[in-house]
Amino acid sequence: MKIDMLSRMIPFFDFSVVEKISVDAVKHNFVAIKVNHLSGAVHFGTVVCGPDSVHYLFTVASWL
């Protein structure tokens, strides 16, 4: 997925917020992300759904 397309899919957040949430999700092993800066693409890997990921999502939502 192109980075600009990702930004357009989430118009209610500034891209810096989306980037921060994505980095936190990678740090907590909820998703794998590869960024290709040459082509401007973001590749998403495996998503782990469990009690920890649900807690994380609610925590992120409370920040907003």
PDB file of N, CA and C in Angstrom:
ATOM      1  N   MET A   1       0.847  -1.160   0.000  1.00  0.00           N
ATOM      2  CA  MET A   1       0.000   0.000   0.000  1.00  0.00           C
ATOM      3  C   MET A   1       0.903   1.237   0.000  1.00  0.00           C
ATOM      4  N   LYS A   2       0.539   2.192  -0.786  1.00  0.00           N
ATOM      5  CA  LYS A   2       1.294   3.444  -0.835  1.00  0.00           C
ATOM      6  C   LYS A   2       1.008   4.272   0.419  1.00  0.00           C
ATOM      7  N   ILE A   3       2.026   4.983   0.872  1.00  0.00           N
ATOM      8  CA  ILE A   3       1.905   5.789   2.086  1.00  0.00           C
ATOM      9  C   ILE A   3       0.823   6.852   1.929  1.00  0.00           C
ATOM     10  N   ASP A   4       0.741   7.491   0.778  1.00  0.00           N
ATOM     11  CA  ASP A   4      -0.288   8.519   0.591  1.00  0.00           C
ATOM     12  C   ASP A   4      -1.685   7.922   0.598  1.00  0.00           C
ATOM     13  N   MET A   5      -1.831   6.673   0.114  1.00  0.00           N
ATOM     14  CA  MET A   5      -3.133   6.003   0.145  1.00  0.00           C
ATOM     15  C   MET A   5      -3.535   5.698   1.589  1.00  0.00           C
ATOM     16  N   LEU A   6      -2.568   5.280   2.401  1.00  0.00           N
ATOM     17  CA  LEU A   6      -2.833   5.037   3.818  1.00  0.00           C
ATOM     18  C   LEU A   6      -3.300   6.322   4.490  1.00  0.00           C
ATOM     19  N   SER A   7      -2.670   7.435   4.178  1.00  0.00           N
ATOM     20  CA  SER A   7      -3.070   8.729   4.744  1.00  0.00           C
ATOM     21  C   SER A   7      -4.496   9.093   4.341  1.00  0.00           C
ATOM     22  N   ARG A   8      -4.864   8.808   3.105  1.00  0.00           N
ATOM     23  CA  ARG A   8      -6.216   9.130   2.635  1.00  0.00           C
ATOM     24  C   ARG A   8      -7.271   8.215   3.249  1.00  0.00           C
ATOM     25  N   MET A   9      -6.873   6.985   3.618  1.00  0.00           N
ATOM     26  CA  MET A   9      -7.825   6.046   4.214  1.00  0.00           C
ATOM     27  C   MET A   9      -8.209   6.452   5.635  1.00  0.00           C
ATOM     28  N   ILE A  10      -7.351   7.242   6.290  1.00  0.00           N
ATOM     29  CA  ILE A  10      -7.587   7.659   7.664  1.00  0.00           C
ATOM     30  C   ILE A  10      -7.541   9.191   7.709  1.00  0.00           C
ATOM     31  N   PRO A  11      -8.535   9.857   7.125  1.00  0.00           N
ATOM     32  CA  PRO A  11      -8.475  11.319   7.009  1.00  0.00           C
ATOM     33  C   PRO A  11      -8.666  12.061   8.329  1.00  0.00           C
ATOM     34  N   PHE A  12      -9.207  11.394   9.351  1.00  0.00           N
ATOM     35  CA  PHE A  12      -9.481  12.066  10.610  1.00  0.00           C
ATOM     36  C   PHE A  12      -8.276  12.113  11.544  1.00  0.00           C
ATOM     37  N   PHE A  13      -7.143  11.503  11.126  1.00  0.00           N
ATOM     38  CA  PHE A  13      -5.890  11.576  11.880  1.00  0.00           C
ATOM     39  C   PHE A  13      -4.818  12.199  11.016  1.00  0.00           C
ATOM     40  N   ASP A  14      -3.983  12.985  11.639  1.00  0.00           N
ATOM     41  CA  ASP A  14      -2.786  13.473  10.978  1.00  0.00           C
ATOM     42  C   ASP A  14      -1.872  12.270  10.769  1.00  0.00           C
ATOM     43  N   PHE A  15      -1.106  12.251   9.685  1.00  0.00           N
ATOM     44  CA  PHE A  15      -0.272  11.081   9.398  1.00  0.00           C
ATOM     45  C   PHE A  15       0.725  10.806  10.512  1.00  0.00           C
ATOM     46  N   SER A  16       1.188  11.833  11.206  1.00  0.00           N
ATOM     47  CA  SER A  16       2.142  11.608  12.304  1.00  0.00           C
ATOM     48  C   SER A  16       1.517  10.775  13.419  1.00  0.00           C
ATOM     49  N   VAL A  17       0.214  10.921  13.645  1.00  0.00           N
ATOM     50  CA  VAL A  17      -0.484  10.116  14.647  1.00  0.00           C
ATOM     51  C   VAL A  17      -0.574   8.671  14.187  1.00  0.00           C
ATOM     52  N   VAL A  18      -0.912   8.462  12.923  1.00  0.00           N
ATOM     53  CA  VAL A  18      -0.980   7.114  12.362  1.00  0.00           C
ATOM     54  C   VAL A  18       0.391   6.443  12.444  1.00  0.00           C
ATOM     55  N   GLU A  19       1.419   7.209  12.155  1.00  0.00           N
ATOM     56  CA  GLU A  19       2.782   6.681  12.212  1.00  0.00           C
ATOM     57  C   GLU A  19       3.144   6.277  13.641  1.00  0.00           C
ATOM     58  N   LYS A  20       2.794   7.085  14.624  1.00  0.00           N
ATOM     59  CA  LYS A  20       3.093   6.776  16.022  1.00  0.00           C
ATOM     60  C   LYS A  20       2.356   5.523  16.472  1.00  0.00           C
ATOM     61  N   ILE A  21       1.084   5.405  16.130  1.00  0.00           N
ATOM     62  CA  ILE A  21       0.298   4.216  16.488  1.00  0.00           C
ATOM     63  C   ILE A  21       0.894   2.979  15.833  1.00  0.00           C
ATOM     64  N   SER A  22       1.321   3.109  14.575  1.00  0.00           N
ATOM     65  CA  SER A  22       1.920   1.979  13.864  1.00  0.00           C
ATOM     66  C   SER A  22       3.224   1.542  14.524  1.00  0.00           C
ATOM     67  N   VAL A  23       4.060   2.496  14.899  1.00  0.00           N
ATOM     68  CA  VAL A  23       5.326   2.170  15.563  1.00  0.00           C
ATOM     69  C   VAL A  23       5.074   1.480  16.892  1.00  0.00           C
ATOM     70  N   ASP A  24       4.107   1.976  17.658  1.00  0.00           N
ATOM     71  CA  ASP A  24       3.773   1.336  18.929  1.00  0.00           C
ATOM     72  C   ASP A  24       3.250  -0.085  18.722  1.00  0.00           C
ATOM     73  N   ALA A  25       2.448  -0.289  17.689  1.00  0.00           N
ATOM     74  CA  ALA A  25       1.921  -1.626  17.396  1.00  0.00           C
ATOM     75  C   ALA A  25       3.049  -2.592  17.041  1.00  0.00           C
ATOM     76  N   VAL A  26       4.049  -2.113  16.311  1.00  0.00           N
ATOM     77  CA  VAL A  26       5.208  -2.957  15.973  1.00  0.00           C
ATOM     78  C   VAL A  26       6.014  -3.259  17.230  1.00  0.00           C
ATOM     79  N   LYS A  27       6.234  -2.264  18.072  1.00  0.00           N
ATOM     80  CA  LYS A  27       6.997  -2.456  19.318  1.00  0.00           C
ATOM     81  C   LYS A  27       6.370  -3.521  20.206  1.00  0.00           C
ATOM     82  N   HIS A  28       5.029  -3.583  20.214  1.00  0.00           N
ATOM     83  CA  HIS A  28       4.321  -4.536  21.063  1.00  0.00           C
ATOM     84  C   HIS A  28       3.985  -5.840  20.328  1.00  0.00           C
ATOM     85  N   ASN A  29       4.569  -6.018  19.142  1.00  0.00           N
ATOM     86  CA  ASN A  29       4.409  -7.246  18.340  1.00  0.00           C
ATOM     87  C   ASN A  29       2.958  -7.559  17.970  1.00  0.00           C
ATOM     88  N   PHE A  30       2.163  -6.515  17.693  1.00  0.00           N
ATOM     89  CA  PHE A  30       0.802  -6.725  17.251  1.00  0.00           C
ATOM     90  C   PHE A  30       0.703  -6.811  15.729  1.00  0.00           C
ATOM     91  N   VAL A  31       1.676  -6.248  15.052  1.00  0.00           N
ATOM     92  CA  VAL A  31       1.675  -6.257  13.590  1.00  0.00           C
ATOM     93  C   VAL A  31       3.114  -6.108  13.110  1.00  0.00           C
ATOM     94  N   ALA A  32       3.386  -6.682  11.959  1.00  0.00           N
ATOM     95  CA  ALA A  32       4.687  -6.509  11.321  1.00  0.00           C
ATOM     96  C   ALA A  32       4.516  -5.537  10.162  1.00  0.00           C
ATOM     97  N   ILE A  33       5.399  -4.566  10.082  1.00  0.00           N
ATOM     98  CA  ILE A  33       5.318  -3.559   9.021  1.00  0.00           C
ATOM     99  C   ILE A  33       6.690  -3.389   8.395  1.00  0.00           C
ATOM    100  N   LYS A  34       6.705  -3.370   7.069  1.00  0.00           N
ATOM    101  CA  LYS A  34       7.922  -3.039   6.330  1.00  0.00           C
ATOM    102  C   LYS A  34       7.632  -1.782   5.527  1.00  0.00           C
ATOM    103  N   VAL A  35       8.556  -0.835   5.595  1.00  0.00           N
ATOM    104  CA  VAL A  35       8.398   0.412   4.855  1.00  0.00           C
ATOM    105  C   VAL A  35       9.478   0.464   3.782  1.00  0.00           C
ATOM    106  N   ASN A  36       9.060   0.642   2.532  1.00  0.00           N
ATOM    107  CA  ASN A  36       9.982   0.799   1.416  1.00  0.00           C
ATOM    108  C   ASN A  36       9.965   2.278   1.050  1.00  0.00           C
ATOM    109  N   HIS A  37      10.982   2.999   1.504  1.00  0.00           N
ATOM    110  CA  HIS A  37      11.017   4.441   1.276  1.00  0.00           C
ATOM    111  C   HIS A  37      11.274   4.793  -0.188  1.00  0.00           C
ATOM    112  N   LEU A  38      11.943   3.909  -0.905  1.00  0.00           N
ATOM    113  CA  LEU A  38      12.206   4.184  -2.326  1.00  0.00           C
ATOM    114  C   LEU A  38      10.913   4.209  -3.140  1.00  0.00           C
ATOM    115  N   SER A  39      10.039   3.237  -2.876  1.00  0.00           N
ATOM    116  CA  SER A  39       8.788   3.194  -3.642  1.00  0.00           C
ATOM    117  C   SER A  39       7.639   3.884  -2.915  1.00  0.00           C
ATOM    118  N   GLY A  40       7.864   4.272  -1.642  1.00  0.00           N
ATOM    119  CA  GLY A  40       6.810   4.929  -0.872  1.00  0.00           C
ATOM    120  C   GLY A  40       5.703   3.990  -0.471  1.00  0.00           C
ATOM    121  N   ALA A  41       6.067   2.717  -0.196  1.00  0.00           N
ATOM    122  CA  ALA A  41       5.064   1.707   0.123  1.00  0.00           C
ATOM    123  C   ALA A  41       5.214   1.200   1.552  1.00  0.00           C
ATOM    124  N   VAL A  42       4.080   0.785   2.113  1.00  0.00           N
ATOM    125  CA  VAL A  42       4.036   0.170   3.435  1.00  0.00           C
ATOM    126  C   VAL A  42       3.450  -1.225   3.252  1.00  0.00           C
ATOM    127  N   HIS A  43       4.128  -2.232   3.802  1.00  0.00           N
ATOM    128  CA  HIS A  43       3.666  -3.620   3.712  1.00  0.00           C
ATOM    129  C   HIS A  43       3.355  -4.111   5.112  1.00  0.00           C
ATOM    130  N   PHE A  44       2.126  -4.584   5.320  1.00  0.00           N
ATOM    131  CA  PHE A  44       1.697  -5.072   6.616  1.00  0.00           C
ATOM    132  C   PHE A  44       1.811  -6.586   6.654  1.00  0.00           C
ATOM    133  N   GLY A  45       2.261  -7.092   7.802  1.00  0.00           N
ATOM    134  CA  GLY A  45       2.409  -8.533   7.991  1.00  0.00           C
ATOM    135  C   GLY A  45       1.326  -9.070   8.900  1.00  0.00           C
ATOM    136  N   THR A  46       1.682 -10.058   9.692  1.00  0.00           N
ATOM    137  CA  THR A  46       0.755 -10.773  10.551  1.00  0.00           C
ATOM    138  C   THR A  46       0.219  -9.887  11.673  1.00  0.00           C
ATOM    139  N   VAL A  47      -1.078 -10.000  11.885  1.00  0.00           N
ATOM    140  CA  VAL A  47      -1.722  -9.301  12.992  1.00  0.00           C
ATOM    141  C   VAL A  47      -2.029 -10.337  14.061  1.00  0.00           C
ATOM    142  N   VAL A  48      -1.649 -10.046  15.289  1.00  0.00           N
ATOM    143  CA  VAL A  48      -1.898 -10.950  16.407  1.00  0.00           C
ATOM    144  C   VAL A  48      -3.056 -10.398  17.216  1.00  0.00           C
ATOM    145  N   CYS A  49      -4.149 -11.142  17.264  1.00  0.00           N
ATOM    146  CA  CYS A  49      -5.314 -10.704  18.031  1.00  0.00           C
ATOM    147  C   CYS A  49      -5.430 -11.541  19.294  1.00  0.00           C
ATOM    148  N   GLY A  50      -5.447 -10.885  20.389  1.00  0.00           N
ATOM    149  CA  GLY A  50      -5.577 -11.543  21.675  1.00  0.00           C
ATOM    150  C   GLY A  50      -5.919 -10.503  22.718  1.00  0.00           C
ATOM    151  N   PRO A  51      -5.997 -10.914  23.972  1.00  0.00           N
ATOM    152  CA  PRO A  51      -6.359  -9.962  25.029  1.00  0.00           C
ATOM    153  C   PRO A  51      -5.418  -8.761  25.101  1.00  0.00           C
ATOM    154  N   ASP A  52      -4.123  -8.994  24.885  1.00  0.00           N
ATOM    155  CA  ASP A  52      -3.169  -7.888  24.951  1.00  0.00           C
ATOM    156  C   ASP A  52      -3.401  -6.880  23.838  1.00  0.00           C
ATOM    157  N   SER A  53      -3.718  -7.363  22.645  1.00  0.00           N
ATOM    158  CA  SER A  53      -3.923  -6.436  21.533  1.00  0.00           C
ATOM    159  C   SER A  53      -5.203  -5.635  21.718  1.00  0.00           C
ATOM    160  N   VAL A  54      -6.233  -6.248  22.290  1.00  0.00           N
ATOM    161  CA  VAL A  54      -7.480  -5.524  22.549  1.00  0.00           C
ATOM    162  C   VAL A  54      -7.223  -4.437  23.592  1.00  0.00           C
ATOM    163  N   HIS A  55      -6.485  -4.777  24.647  1.00  0.00           N
ATOM    164  CA  HIS A  55      -6.137  -3.785  25.676  1.00  0.00           C
ATOM    165  C   HIS A  55      -5.349  -2.635  25.061  1.00  0.00           C
ATOM    166  N   TYR A  56      -4.400  -2.958  24.184  1.00  0.00           N
ATOM    167  CA  TYR A  56      -3.594  -1.929  23.517  1.00  0.00           C
ATOM    168  C   TYR A  56      -4.471  -1.004  22.687  1.00  0.00           C
ATOM    169  N   LEU A  57      -5.403  -1.565  21.928  1.00  0.00           N
ATOM    170  CA  LEU A  57      -6.263  -0.744  21.076  1.00  0.00           C
ATOM    171  C   LEU A  57      -7.108   0.209  21.914  1.00  0.00           C
ATOM    172  N   PHE A  58      -7.629  -0.259  23.049  1.00  0.00           N
ATOM    173  CA  PHE A  58      -8.403   0.627  23.915  1.00  0.00           C
ATOM    174  C   PHE A  58      -7.512   1.692  24.544  1.00  0.00           C
ATOM    175  N   THR A  59      -6.283   1.337  24.851  1.00  0.00           N
ATOM    176  CA  THR A  59      -5.353   2.309  25.408  1.00  0.00           C
ATOM    177  C   THR A  59      -5.069   3.406  24.398  1.00  0.00           C
ATOM    178  N   VAL A  60      -4.811   3.017  23.150  1.00  0.00           N
ATOM    179  CA  VAL A  60      -4.554   3.999  22.095  1.00  0.00           C
ATOM    180  C   VAL A  60      -5.769   4.885  21.901  1.00  0.00           C
ATOM    181  N   ALA A  61      -6.946   4.296  21.902  1.00  0.00           N
ATOM    182  CA  ALA A  61      -8.171   5.082  21.717  1.00  0.00           C
ATOM    183  C   ALA A  61      -8.360   6.097  22.843  1.00  0.00           C
ATOM    184  N   SER A  62      -7.920   5.747  24.052  1.00  0.00           N
ATOM    185  CA  SER A  62      -8.077   6.683  25.168  1.00  0.00           C
ATOM    186  C   SER A  62      -7.132   7.882  25.038  1.00  0.00           C
ATOM    187  N   TRP A  63      -6.040   7.737  24.299  1.00  0.00           N
ATOM    188  CA  TRP A  63      -5.105   8.840  24.082  1.00  0.00           C
ATOM    189  C   TRP A  63      -5.692   9.909  23.179  1.00  0.00           C
ATOM    190  N   LEU A  64      -6.655   9.519  22.354  1.00  0.00           N
ATOM    191  CA  LEU A  64      -7.169  10.432  21.335  1.00  0.00           C
ATOM    192  C   LEU A  64      -8.265  11.262  21.847  1.00  0.00           C
TER     193      LEU A  64
END
